[in-house]
Amino acid sequence: MELAKVIGTLVSTHKVNSLNSVKLLLVQPLNENLETAGEPGIATDATHQAGVGEIVFIESGREAAMALEQKFNPSDLSIIGIVDDVYTMKNKK
């Protein structure tokens, strides 16, 4: 599980049936200091509530597909939670 920031939305004119009504979002992976870490990716939104600008938890691989209602799907990256607050030692004064 990693942190990421939602940086955009995607629109698809054709999807496989298992992804119908599943939102696709562009996410930027983040490190522990909430700085960019790696290349952006396209994630399915298992929460059905994530939006642009939010910090989210993402999961990749088979676990990403298991997060969706229809378990047999081609998802390789899913948003599995929305972060309310981040506390790090860097924030401590």
N, C-alpha and C. Protein backbone atom coordinates (compact mmCIF):
# COMPACT_ATOMS: atom_id res chain seq x y z
N MET A 1 0.85 -1.16 0.00
CA MET A 1 0.00 0.00 0.00
C MET A 1 0.90 1.23 0.00
N GLU A 2 0.57 2.19 -0.86
CA GLU A 2 1.35 3.41 -0.99
C GLU A 2 0.43 4.63 -0.96
N LEU A 3 1.04 5.78 -0.71
CA LEU A 3 0.29 7.03 -0.80
C LEU A 3 0.40 7.59 -2.21
N ALA A 4 -0.64 8.27 -2.66
CA ALA A 4 -0.64 8.93 -3.97
C ALA A 4 -1.58 10.12 -3.92
N LYS A 5 -1.41 11.01 -4.88
CA LYS A 5 -2.31 12.15 -5.01
C LYS A 5 -3.06 12.01 -6.32
N VAL A 6 -4.37 12.21 -6.28
CA VAL A 6 -5.17 12.17 -7.50
C VAL A 6 -4.92 13.46 -8.26
N ILE A 7 -4.43 13.34 -9.50
CA ILE A 7 -4.07 14.52 -10.29
C ILE A 7 -4.93 14.69 -11.53
N GLY A 8 -5.85 13.77 -11.77
CA GLY A 8 -6.71 13.91 -12.94
C GLY A 8 -7.71 12.79 -13.06
N THR A 9 -8.62 12.95 -14.01
CA THR A 9 -9.62 11.93 -14.30
C THR A 9 -9.44 11.45 -15.73
N LEU A 10 -9.94 10.26 -16.01
CA LEU A 10 -9.89 9.72 -17.36
C LEU A 10 -11.29 9.35 -17.80
N VAL A 11 -11.52 9.50 -19.08
CA VAL A 11 -12.79 9.12 -19.67
C VAL A 11 -12.50 8.03 -20.70
N SER A 12 -13.24 6.95 -20.62
CA SER A 12 -13.05 5.83 -21.54
C SER A 12 -14.35 5.60 -22.32
N THR A 13 -14.24 5.54 -23.63
CA THR A 13 -15.43 5.30 -24.45
C THR A 13 -15.80 3.82 -24.48
N HIS A 14 -14.81 2.95 -24.22
CA HIS A 14 -15.07 1.50 -24.18
C HIS A 14 -14.34 0.91 -22.98
N LYS A 15 -15.04 0.08 -22.22
CA LYS A 15 -14.43 -0.62 -21.09
C LYS A 15 -14.89 -2.07 -21.12
N VAL A 16 -14.10 -2.94 -20.50
CA VAL A 16 -14.56 -4.31 -20.30
C VAL A 16 -15.73 -4.26 -19.32
N ASN A 17 -16.63 -5.22 -19.39
CA ASN A 17 -17.83 -5.22 -18.56
C ASN A 17 -17.53 -5.15 -17.06
N SER A 18 -16.44 -5.76 -16.63
CA SER A 18 -16.13 -5.77 -15.20
C SER A 18 -15.73 -4.39 -14.67
N LEU A 19 -15.45 -3.45 -15.56
CA LEU A 19 -15.09 -2.10 -15.12
C LEU A 19 -16.19 -1.07 -15.40
N ASN A 20 -17.36 -1.52 -15.86
CA ASN A 20 -18.46 -0.59 -16.06
C ASN A 20 -18.82 0.06 -14.73
N SER A 21 -19.06 1.34 -14.75
CA SER A 21 -19.41 2.17 -13.59
C SER A 21 -18.26 2.32 -12.59
N VAL A 22 -17.04 1.97 -12.98
CA VAL A 22 -15.86 2.17 -12.13
C VAL A 22 -15.11 3.39 -12.65
N LYS A 23 -14.85 4.34 -11.77
CA LYS A 23 -14.16 5.57 -12.13
C LYS A 23 -12.67 5.30 -12.32
N LEU A 24 -12.08 5.91 -13.34
CA LEU A 24 -10.65 5.82 -13.59
C LEU A 24 -10.01 7.17 -13.27
N LEU A 25 -8.95 7.15 -12.46
CA LEU A 25 -8.30 8.39 -12.02
C LEU A 25 -6.80 8.30 -12.26
N LEU A 26 -6.19 9.44 -12.56
CA LEU A 26 -4.75 9.53 -12.72
C LEU A 26 -4.15 9.85 -11.35
N VAL A 27 -3.21 9.03 -10.89
CA VAL A 27 -2.62 9.21 -9.56
C VAL A 27 -1.11 9.35 -9.66
N GLN A 28 -0.57 10.22 -8.80
CA GLN A 28 0.87 10.44 -8.70
C GLN A 28 1.36 9.84 -7.39
N PRO A 29 2.20 8.79 -7.44
CA PRO A 29 2.74 8.21 -6.20
C PRO A 29 3.53 9.25 -5.40
N LEU A 30 3.46 9.12 -4.07
CA LEU A 30 4.15 10.04 -3.16
C LEU A 30 5.03 9.26 -2.19
N ASN A 31 6.08 9.92 -1.70
CA ASN A 31 6.91 9.29 -0.67
C ASN A 31 6.38 9.68 0.72
N GLU A 32 7.12 9.33 1.75
CA GLU A 32 6.66 9.59 3.13
C GLU A 32 6.59 11.08 3.47
N ASN A 33 7.25 11.92 2.67
CA ASN A 33 7.20 13.37 2.89
C ASN A 33 6.19 14.05 1.95
N LEU A 34 5.36 13.23 1.32
CA LEU A 34 4.34 13.70 0.37
C LEU A 34 4.96 14.41 -0.84
N GLU A 35 6.15 13.96 -1.24
CA GLU A 35 6.81 14.46 -2.43
C GLU A 35 6.65 13.44 -3.55
N THR A 36 6.64 13.91 -4.79
CA THR A 36 6.51 13.04 -5.96
C THR A 36 7.53 11.92 -5.91
N ALA A 37 7.06 10.69 -6.17
CA ALA A 37 7.94 9.52 -6.15
C ALA A 37 7.53 8.55 -7.25
N GLY A 38 8.10 8.71 -8.42
CA GLY A 38 7.79 7.80 -9.51
C GLY A 38 6.83 8.41 -10.54
N GLU A 39 6.45 7.57 -11.48
CA GLU A 39 5.61 7.99 -12.60
C GLU A 39 4.13 7.90 -12.24
N PRO A 40 3.31 8.79 -12.78
CA PRO A 40 1.86 8.70 -12.56
C PRO A 40 1.29 7.42 -13.18
N GLY A 41 0.16 6.98 -12.66
CA GLY A 41 -0.50 5.79 -13.19
C GLY A 41 -2.00 5.97 -13.21
N ILE A 42 -2.68 5.07 -13.90
CA ILE A 42 -4.13 5.08 -13.98
C ILE A 42 -4.67 4.06 -12.98
N ALA A 43 -5.53 4.53 -12.09
CA ALA A 43 -6.07 3.66 -11.03
C ALA A 43 -7.58 3.60 -11.09
N THR A 44 -8.13 2.43 -10.78
CA THR A 44 -9.57 2.32 -10.60
C THR A 44 -9.90 2.80 -9.20
N ASP A 45 -11.09 3.36 -9.03
CA ASP A 45 -11.47 3.91 -7.72
C ASP A 45 -12.41 2.94 -7.00
N ALA A 46 -11.85 2.13 -6.12
CA ALA A 46 -12.65 1.16 -5.37
C ALA A 46 -13.49 1.85 -4.30
N THR A 47 -13.16 3.09 -3.94
CA THR A 47 -13.93 3.81 -2.91
C THR A 47 -15.17 4.47 -3.51
N HIS A 48 -15.16 4.71 -4.81
CA HIS A 48 -16.24 5.42 -5.52
C HIS A 48 -16.39 6.86 -5.04
N GLN A 49 -15.40 7.40 -4.31
CA GLN A 49 -15.53 8.74 -3.74
C GLN A 49 -14.30 9.62 -3.92
N ALA A 50 -13.20 9.09 -4.43
CA ALA A 50 -11.98 9.88 -4.56
C ALA A 50 -12.13 10.94 -5.64
N GLY A 51 -11.44 12.07 -5.45
CA GLY A 51 -11.49 13.14 -6.42
C GLY A 51 -10.14 13.82 -6.58
N VAL A 52 -10.04 14.66 -7.58
CA VAL A 52 -8.80 15.37 -7.89
C VAL A 52 -8.36 16.20 -6.69
N GLY A 53 -7.06 16.10 -6.37
CA GLY A 53 -6.48 16.85 -5.28
C GLY A 53 -6.40 16.08 -3.97
N GLU A 54 -7.05 14.92 -3.88
CA GLU A 54 -7.05 14.16 -2.62
C GLU A 54 -5.84 13.24 -2.53
N ILE A 55 -5.38 13.02 -1.30
CA ILE A 55 -4.35 12.04 -1.01
C ILE A 55 -5.07 10.71 -0.75
N VAL A 56 -4.59 9.64 -1.40
CA VAL A 56 -5.26 8.34 -1.32
C VAL A 56 -4.26 7.22 -1.06
N PHE A 57 -4.78 6.06 -0.64
CA PHE A 57 -4.00 4.83 -0.57
C PHE A 57 -4.19 4.10 -1.88
N ILE A 58 -3.10 3.60 -2.47
CA ILE A 58 -3.22 2.80 -3.68
C ILE A 58 -2.60 1.43 -3.45
N GLU A 59 -3.10 0.46 -4.19
CA GLU A 59 -2.58 -0.90 -4.13
C GLU A 59 -2.42 -1.40 -5.56
N SER A 60 -1.38 -2.17 -5.81
CA SER A 60 -1.14 -2.69 -7.16
C SER A 60 -1.19 -4.21 -7.17
N GLY A 61 -1.13 -4.77 -8.36
CA GLY A 61 -1.13 -6.22 -8.52
C GLY A 61 -2.50 -6.83 -8.32
N ARG A 62 -2.54 -8.09 -7.95
CA ARG A 62 -3.80 -8.82 -7.78
C ARG A 62 -4.68 -8.18 -6.70
N GLU A 63 -4.05 -7.61 -5.69
CA GLU A 63 -4.81 -6.96 -4.62
C GLU A 63 -5.63 -5.80 -5.16
N ALA A 64 -5.15 -5.13 -6.20
CA ALA A 64 -5.89 -4.03 -6.81
C ALA A 64 -7.19 -4.54 -7.42
N ALA A 65 -7.14 -5.66 -8.10
CA ALA A 65 -8.35 -6.23 -8.70
C ALA A 65 -9.32 -6.72 -7.63
N MET A 66 -8.81 -7.25 -6.54
CA MET A 66 -9.67 -7.77 -5.48
C MET A 66 -10.44 -6.66 -4.74
N ALA A 67 -9.99 -5.42 -4.87
CA ALA A 67 -10.65 -4.30 -4.19
C ALA A 67 -11.98 -3.92 -4.85
N LEU A 68 -12.17 -4.33 -6.09
CA LEU A 68 -13.40 -3.98 -6.81
C LEU A 68 -14.49 -5.01 -6.59
N GLU A 69 -15.73 -4.60 -6.84
CA GLU A 69 -16.88 -5.50 -6.61
C GLU A 69 -16.79 -6.76 -7.45
N GLN A 70 -16.53 -6.60 -8.75
CA GLN A 70 -16.34 -7.76 -9.61
C GLN A 70 -14.87 -8.16 -9.54
N LYS A 71 -14.60 -9.28 -8.90
CA LYS A 71 -13.22 -9.67 -8.60
C LYS A 71 -12.40 -10.05 -9.83
N PHE A 72 -13.06 -10.49 -10.92
CA PHE A 72 -12.33 -10.86 -12.13
C PHE A 72 -12.34 -9.65 -13.06
N ASN A 73 -11.26 -8.85 -12.99
CA ASN A 73 -11.15 -7.63 -13.79
C ASN A 73 -9.67 -7.38 -14.10
N PRO A 74 -9.38 -6.52 -15.08
CA PRO A 74 -7.99 -6.28 -15.47
C PRO A 74 -7.28 -5.17 -14.71
N SER A 75 -7.81 -4.71 -13.59
CA SER A 75 -7.19 -3.62 -12.84
C SER A 75 -5.86 -4.04 -12.24
N ASP A 76 -4.85 -3.18 -12.40
CA ASP A 76 -3.55 -3.44 -11.82
C ASP A 76 -3.15 -2.36 -10.81
N LEU A 77 -4.03 -1.36 -10.64
CA LEU A 77 -3.79 -0.29 -9.68
C LEU A 77 -5.14 0.23 -9.21
N SER A 78 -5.39 0.21 -7.91
CA SER A 78 -6.68 0.65 -7.37
C SER A 78 -6.50 1.59 -6.19
N ILE A 79 -7.42 2.54 -6.10
CA ILE A 79 -7.50 3.40 -4.93
C ILE A 79 -8.34 2.65 -3.92
N ILE A 80 -7.78 2.40 -2.74
CA ILE A 80 -8.50 1.60 -1.74
C ILE A 80 -8.89 2.40 -0.50
N GLY A 81 -8.46 3.66 -0.43
CA GLY A 81 -8.83 4.49 0.71
C GLY A 81 -8.47 5.94 0.47
N ILE A 82 -9.17 6.81 1.17
CA ILE A 82 -8.91 8.25 1.10
C ILE A 82 -8.29 8.68 2.43
N VAL A 83 -7.18 9.41 2.35
CA VAL A 83 -6.45 9.83 3.54
C VAL A 83 -7.05 11.11 4.10
N ASP A 84 -7.37 11.10 5.39
CA ASP A 84 -7.90 12.30 6.05
C ASP A 84 -6.78 13.24 6.48
N ASP A 85 -5.71 12.66 7.04
CA ASP A 85 -4.63 13.49 7.58
C ASP A 85 -3.33 12.69 7.53
N VAL A 86 -2.23 13.37 7.36
CA VAL A 86 -0.92 12.72 7.37
C VAL A 86 -0.08 13.37 8.46
N TYR A 87 0.48 12.55 9.32
CA TYR A 87 1.35 13.02 10.38
C TYR A 87 2.71 12.35 10.20
N THR A 88 3.76 13.16 10.09
CA THR A 88 5.11 12.63 10.01
C THR A 88 5.98 13.32 11.04
N MET A 89 7.13 12.77 11.28
CA MET A 89 8.06 13.37 12.23
C MET A 89 8.52 14.74 11.70
N LYS A 90 8.49 14.93 10.39
CA LYS A 90 8.87 16.20 9.80
C LYS A 90 7.89 17.30 10.24
N ASN A 91 6.62 16.94 10.46
CA ASN A 91 5.60 17.90 10.89
C ASN A 91 5.74 18.28 12.37
N LYS A 92 6.43 17.44 13.15
CA LYS A 92 6.54 17.65 14.59
C LYS A 92 7.51 18.78 14.89
N LYS A 93 7.14 19.68 15.81
CA LYS A 93 8.01 20.81 16.17
C LYS A 93 8.25 20.85 17.65
